[in-house]
């Protein structure tokens, strides 16, 4: 199966509420799982907490939508996506200490 990269831009409801904050732990857990599985390459939230940008990896558009719709906070967001031609990112690898 081909791994297609998608850029997904989310609009988060404002103002940010206590109810929304209750979903943060489960959102973080799901996002961490997607990073581990190689389904997310990057994840960024605006300082105003009204935008979220994610680069997903999926084999089909249907898989992408399934991944996006499985995010716990999706009930507070709308989104749009684009297939990417390529993604270039700096890789952060911790230096090993021989001490």
N, C-alpha and C. Protein backbone atom coordinates (compact mmCIF):
# COMPACT_ATOMS: atom_id res chain seq x y z
N UNK A 1 0.83 -1.19 0.00
CA UNK A 1 0.00 0.00 0.00
C UNK A 1 0.87 1.25 0.00
N UNK A 2 0.39 2.23 -0.71
CA UNK A 2 1.11 3.50 -0.80
C UNK A 2 0.84 4.34 0.44
N UNK A 3 1.87 5.00 0.92
CA UNK A 3 1.72 5.93 2.04
C UNK A 3 1.60 7.34 1.48
N UNK A 4 0.41 7.91 1.60
CA UNK A 4 0.13 9.24 1.10
C UNK A 4 0.16 10.21 2.27
N UNK A 5 0.80 11.34 2.07
CA UNK A 5 0.83 12.37 3.11
C UNK A 5 -0.27 13.40 2.84
N UNK A 6 -0.94 13.78 3.92
CA UNK A 6 -2.01 14.76 3.84
C UNK A 6 -1.77 15.86 4.85
N UNK A 7 -1.99 17.10 4.43
CA UNK A 7 -1.96 18.24 5.34
C UNK A 7 -3.39 18.52 5.74
N UNK A 8 -3.66 18.50 7.05
CA UNK A 8 -5.00 18.74 7.55
C UNK A 8 -4.98 19.99 8.42
N UNK A 9 -5.85 20.93 8.09
CA UNK A 9 -5.99 22.16 8.87
C UNK A 9 -7.34 22.11 9.58
N UNK A 10 -7.29 22.26 10.89
CA UNK A 10 -8.49 22.23 11.72
C UNK A 10 -8.80 23.63 12.23
N UNK A 11 -10.06 23.98 12.26
CA UNK A 11 -10.54 25.19 12.94
C UNK A 11 -11.16 24.72 14.24
N UNK A 12 -10.65 25.21 15.35
CA UNK A 12 -11.12 24.82 16.68
C UNK A 12 -12.13 25.85 17.16
N UNK A 13 -13.24 25.36 17.71
CA UNK A 13 -14.26 26.26 18.25
C UNK A 13 -13.64 27.23 19.25
N UNK A 14 -14.13 28.45 19.25
CA UNK A 14 -13.71 29.43 20.25
C UNK A 14 -14.97 29.97 20.92
N UNK A 15 -14.88 30.38 22.15
CA UNK A 15 -13.69 30.33 23.00
C UNK A 15 -13.42 28.90 23.48
N UNK A 16 -12.19 28.68 23.91
CA UNK A 16 -11.78 27.39 24.44
C UNK A 16 -12.45 27.22 25.81
N UNK A 17 -13.19 26.14 25.99
CA UNK A 17 -13.99 25.95 27.20
C UNK A 17 -13.42 24.87 28.11
N UNK A 18 -13.95 24.82 29.33
CA UNK A 18 -13.56 23.77 30.27
C UNK A 18 -13.95 22.39 29.74
N UNK A 19 -15.09 22.30 29.08
CA UNK A 19 -15.51 21.03 28.49
C UNK A 19 -14.48 20.55 27.47
N UNK A 20 -13.99 21.47 26.65
CA UNK A 20 -12.97 21.11 25.66
C UNK A 20 -11.70 20.64 26.35
N UNK A 21 -11.32 21.31 27.41
CA UNK A 21 -10.10 20.96 28.15
C UNK A 21 -10.18 19.54 28.71
N UNK A 22 -11.37 19.08 29.02
CA UNK A 22 -11.53 17.72 29.56
C UNK A 22 -11.13 16.65 28.54
N UNK A 23 -11.14 17.00 27.25
CA UNK A 23 -10.79 16.05 26.19
C UNK A 23 -9.30 16.03 25.89
N UNK A 24 -8.54 16.96 26.45
CA UNK A 24 -7.11 17.05 26.13
C UNK A 24 -6.34 15.77 26.46
N UNK A 25 -6.50 15.14 27.64
CA UNK A 25 -5.73 13.91 27.90
C UNK A 25 -5.99 12.80 26.88
N UNK A 26 -7.24 12.59 26.50
CA UNK A 26 -7.53 11.53 25.52
C UNK A 26 -7.04 11.92 24.13
N UNK A 27 -7.07 13.22 23.80
CA UNK A 27 -6.53 13.69 22.52
C UNK A 27 -5.02 13.43 22.48
N UNK A 28 -4.33 13.79 23.54
CA UNK A 28 -2.87 13.57 23.59
C UNK A 28 -2.53 12.10 23.46
N UNK A 29 -3.29 11.26 24.12
CA UNK A 29 -3.05 9.81 24.05
C UNK A 29 -3.22 9.30 22.62
N UNK A 30 -4.28 9.73 21.95
CA UNK A 30 -4.52 9.29 20.57
C UNK A 30 -3.43 9.81 19.65
N UNK A 31 -3.05 11.08 19.80
CA UNK A 31 -2.01 11.67 18.96
C UNK A 31 -0.68 10.94 19.18
N UNK A 32 -0.33 10.66 20.42
CA UNK A 32 0.91 9.92 20.72
C UNK A 32 0.89 8.55 20.05
N UNK A 33 -0.25 7.90 20.10
CA UNK A 33 -0.39 6.60 19.45
C UNK A 33 -0.20 6.72 17.94
N UNK A 34 -0.77 7.76 17.33
CA UNK A 34 -0.61 7.96 15.90
C UNK A 34 0.84 8.27 15.53
N UNK A 35 1.55 9.03 16.36
CA UNK A 35 2.97 9.27 16.12
C UNK A 35 3.73 7.94 16.16
N UNK A 36 3.48 7.14 17.17
CA UNK A 36 4.16 5.86 17.33
C UNK A 36 3.89 4.94 16.13
N UNK A 37 2.66 4.96 15.63
CA UNK A 37 2.27 4.11 14.49
C UNK A 37 2.72 4.68 13.15
N UNK A 38 3.28 5.90 13.15
CA UNK A 38 3.70 6.53 11.91
C UNK A 38 2.55 7.15 11.13
N UNK A 39 1.42 7.37 11.77
CA UNK A 39 0.25 7.95 11.11
C UNK A 39 0.26 9.48 11.16
N UNK A 40 1.03 10.07 12.07
CA UNK A 40 1.20 11.52 12.15
C UNK A 40 2.69 11.83 12.08
N UNK A 41 3.04 12.82 11.24
CA UNK A 41 4.42 13.27 11.13
C UNK A 41 4.66 14.58 11.86
N UNK A 42 3.63 15.43 11.94
CA UNK A 42 3.77 16.69 12.67
C UNK A 42 2.40 17.11 13.20
N UNK A 43 2.44 17.90 14.29
CA UNK A 43 1.22 18.32 15.00
C UNK A 43 1.52 19.65 15.63
N UNK A 44 0.76 20.69 15.27
CA UNK A 44 1.02 22.03 15.80
C UNK A 44 -0.30 22.74 16.07
N UNK A 45 -0.35 23.46 17.20
CA UNK A 45 -1.53 24.24 17.59
C UNK A 45 -1.13 25.70 17.68
N UNK A 46 -1.99 26.58 17.19
CA UNK A 46 -1.71 28.01 17.26
C UNK A 46 -1.75 28.49 18.71
N UNK A 47 -1.03 29.57 18.99
CA UNK A 47 -1.00 30.14 20.34
C UNK A 47 -2.39 30.56 20.79
N UNK A 48 -3.23 30.92 19.86
CA UNK A 48 -4.60 31.34 20.19
C UNK A 48 -5.53 30.15 20.44
N UNK A 49 -5.04 28.93 20.19
CA UNK A 49 -5.82 27.68 20.33
C UNK A 49 -7.03 27.62 19.41
N UNK A 50 -6.94 28.29 18.27
CA UNK A 50 -8.06 28.24 17.35
C UNK A 50 -7.75 27.50 16.05
N UNK A 51 -6.49 27.09 15.87
CA UNK A 51 -6.07 26.35 14.68
C UNK A 51 -5.18 25.18 15.10
N UNK A 52 -5.31 24.10 14.35
CA UNK A 52 -4.46 22.92 14.53
C UNK A 52 -4.04 22.49 13.14
N UNK A 53 -2.75 22.18 12.98
CA UNK A 53 -2.21 21.71 11.70
C UNK A 53 -1.54 20.38 11.93
N UNK A 54 -1.89 19.40 11.10
CA UNK A 54 -1.35 18.04 11.26
C UNK A 54 -0.98 17.49 9.89
N UNK A 55 0.17 16.81 9.83
CA UNK A 55 0.51 16.04 8.63
C UNK A 55 0.28 14.58 8.97
N UNK A 56 -0.68 13.98 8.27
CA UNK A 56 -1.04 12.58 8.44
C UNK A 56 -0.43 11.74 7.33
N UNK A 57 -0.24 10.45 7.61
CA UNK A 57 0.15 9.47 6.61
C UNK A 57 -0.96 8.43 6.57
N UNK A 58 -1.52 8.21 5.38
CA UNK A 58 -2.60 7.24 5.23
C UNK A 58 -2.47 6.59 3.86
N UNK A 59 -3.00 5.39 3.72
CA UNK A 59 -2.92 4.69 2.44
C UNK A 59 -4.03 5.12 1.48
N UNK A 60 -5.13 5.64 2.04
CA UNK A 60 -6.25 6.11 1.22
C UNK A 60 -6.88 7.34 1.87
N UNK A 61 -7.69 8.03 1.10
CA UNK A 61 -8.43 9.17 1.63
C UNK A 61 -9.41 8.70 2.71
N UNK A 62 -9.98 7.53 2.52
CA UNK A 62 -10.91 6.97 3.50
C UNK A 62 -10.22 6.71 4.83
N UNK A 63 -8.98 6.20 4.77
CA UNK A 63 -8.23 5.97 6.01
C UNK A 63 -7.94 7.30 6.70
N UNK A 64 -7.57 8.32 5.92
CA UNK A 64 -7.32 9.64 6.50
C UNK A 64 -8.55 10.12 7.27
N UNK A 65 -9.70 10.05 6.64
CA UNK A 65 -10.93 10.53 7.28
C UNK A 65 -11.22 9.72 8.54
N UNK A 66 -10.98 8.42 8.49
CA UNK A 66 -11.18 7.58 9.68
C UNK A 66 -10.25 8.02 10.81
N UNK A 67 -8.98 8.30 10.49
CA UNK A 67 -8.03 8.76 11.50
C UNK A 67 -8.46 10.10 12.09
N UNK A 68 -8.80 11.04 11.22
CA UNK A 68 -9.21 12.38 11.67
C UNK A 68 -10.47 12.29 12.55
N UNK A 69 -11.44 11.54 12.09
CA UNK A 69 -12.71 11.44 12.81
C UNK A 69 -12.58 10.68 14.13
N UNK A 70 -11.48 9.97 14.31
CA UNK A 70 -11.27 9.24 15.57
C UNK A 70 -10.62 10.10 16.65
N UNK A 71 -10.20 11.31 16.31
CA UNK A 71 -9.62 12.21 17.32
C UNK A 71 -10.71 12.62 18.32
N UNK A 72 -10.46 12.48 19.60
CA UNK A 72 -11.48 12.81 20.60
C UNK A 72 -12.02 14.24 20.51
N UNK A 73 -11.18 15.19 20.11
CA UNK A 73 -11.63 16.59 20.08
C UNK A 73 -12.29 16.99 18.77
N UNK A 74 -12.50 16.03 17.86
CA UNK A 74 -13.09 16.35 16.56
C UNK A 74 -14.49 16.97 16.72
N UNK A 75 -15.15 16.69 17.82
CA UNK A 75 -16.49 17.25 18.03
C UNK A 75 -16.46 18.77 18.20
N UNK A 76 -15.26 19.32 18.43
CA UNK A 76 -15.10 20.77 18.58
C UNK A 76 -14.40 21.41 17.39
N UNK A 77 -14.24 20.65 16.30
CA UNK A 77 -13.44 21.14 15.18
C UNK A 77 -14.11 20.88 13.84
N UNK A 78 -13.78 21.72 12.88
CA UNK A 78 -14.05 21.44 11.48
C UNK A 78 -12.68 21.32 10.81
N UNK A 79 -12.63 20.68 9.66
CA UNK A 79 -11.32 20.49 9.02
C UNK A 79 -11.44 20.45 7.51
N UNK A 80 -10.29 20.67 6.89
CA UNK A 80 -10.12 20.51 5.45
C UNK A 80 -8.73 19.93 5.24
N UNK A 81 -8.54 19.24 4.12
CA UNK A 81 -7.26 18.57 3.90
C UNK A 81 -6.86 18.63 2.44
N UNK A 82 -5.57 18.42 2.24
CA UNK A 82 -4.98 18.37 0.91
C UNK A 82 -3.95 17.24 0.88
N UNK A 83 -3.89 16.56 -0.24
CA UNK A 83 -2.82 15.58 -0.44
C UNK A 83 -1.54 16.36 -0.75
N UNK A 84 -0.43 15.93 -0.17
CA UNK A 84 0.85 16.62 -0.36
C UNK A 84 1.70 15.87 -1.38
N UNK A 85 2.48 16.62 -2.13
CA UNK A 85 3.42 16.01 -3.05
C UNK A 85 4.62 15.45 -2.27
N UNK A 86 5.10 16.25 -1.31
CA UNK A 86 6.19 15.79 -0.45
C UNK A 86 6.18 16.61 0.83
N UNK A 87 6.86 16.07 1.82
CA UNK A 87 7.04 16.76 3.10
C UNK A 87 8.50 16.66 3.46
N UNK A 88 9.12 17.78 3.78
CA UNK A 88 10.51 17.78 4.23
C UNK A 88 10.51 18.35 5.64
N UNK A 89 11.06 17.59 6.57
CA UNK A 89 11.07 18.03 7.97
C UNK A 89 12.44 17.75 8.56
N UNK A 90 12.83 18.57 9.51
CA UNK A 90 14.06 18.32 10.25
C UNK A 90 13.80 17.17 11.20
N UNK A 91 14.73 16.26 11.26
CA UNK A 91 14.59 15.13 12.17
C UNK A 91 15.38 15.44 13.43
N UNK A 92 14.73 15.31 14.56
CA UNK A 92 15.39 15.57 15.84
C UNK A 92 15.71 14.23 16.47
N UNK A 93 17.01 13.94 16.52
CA UNK A 93 17.46 12.70 17.14
C UNK A 93 18.36 13.07 18.31
N UNK A 94 18.00 12.65 19.50
CA UNK A 94 18.84 12.99 20.65
C UNK A 94 20.25 12.42 20.50
N UNK A 95 21.23 13.20 20.94
CA UNK A 95 22.60 12.72 20.90
C UNK A 95 22.82 11.70 22.00
N UNK A 96 23.56 10.65 21.68
CA UNK A 96 23.88 9.64 22.69
C UNK A 96 25.06 10.09 23.51
N UNK A 97 24.96 9.86 24.76
CA UNK A 97 26.07 10.17 25.65
C UNK A 97 26.81 8.88 25.98
N UNK A 98 28.10 8.93 25.85
CA UNK A 98 28.90 7.74 26.15
C UNK A 98 29.31 7.69 27.62
N UNK A 99 28.88 8.66 28.39
CA UNK A 99 29.21 8.70 29.82
C UNK A 99 28.30 7.84 30.63
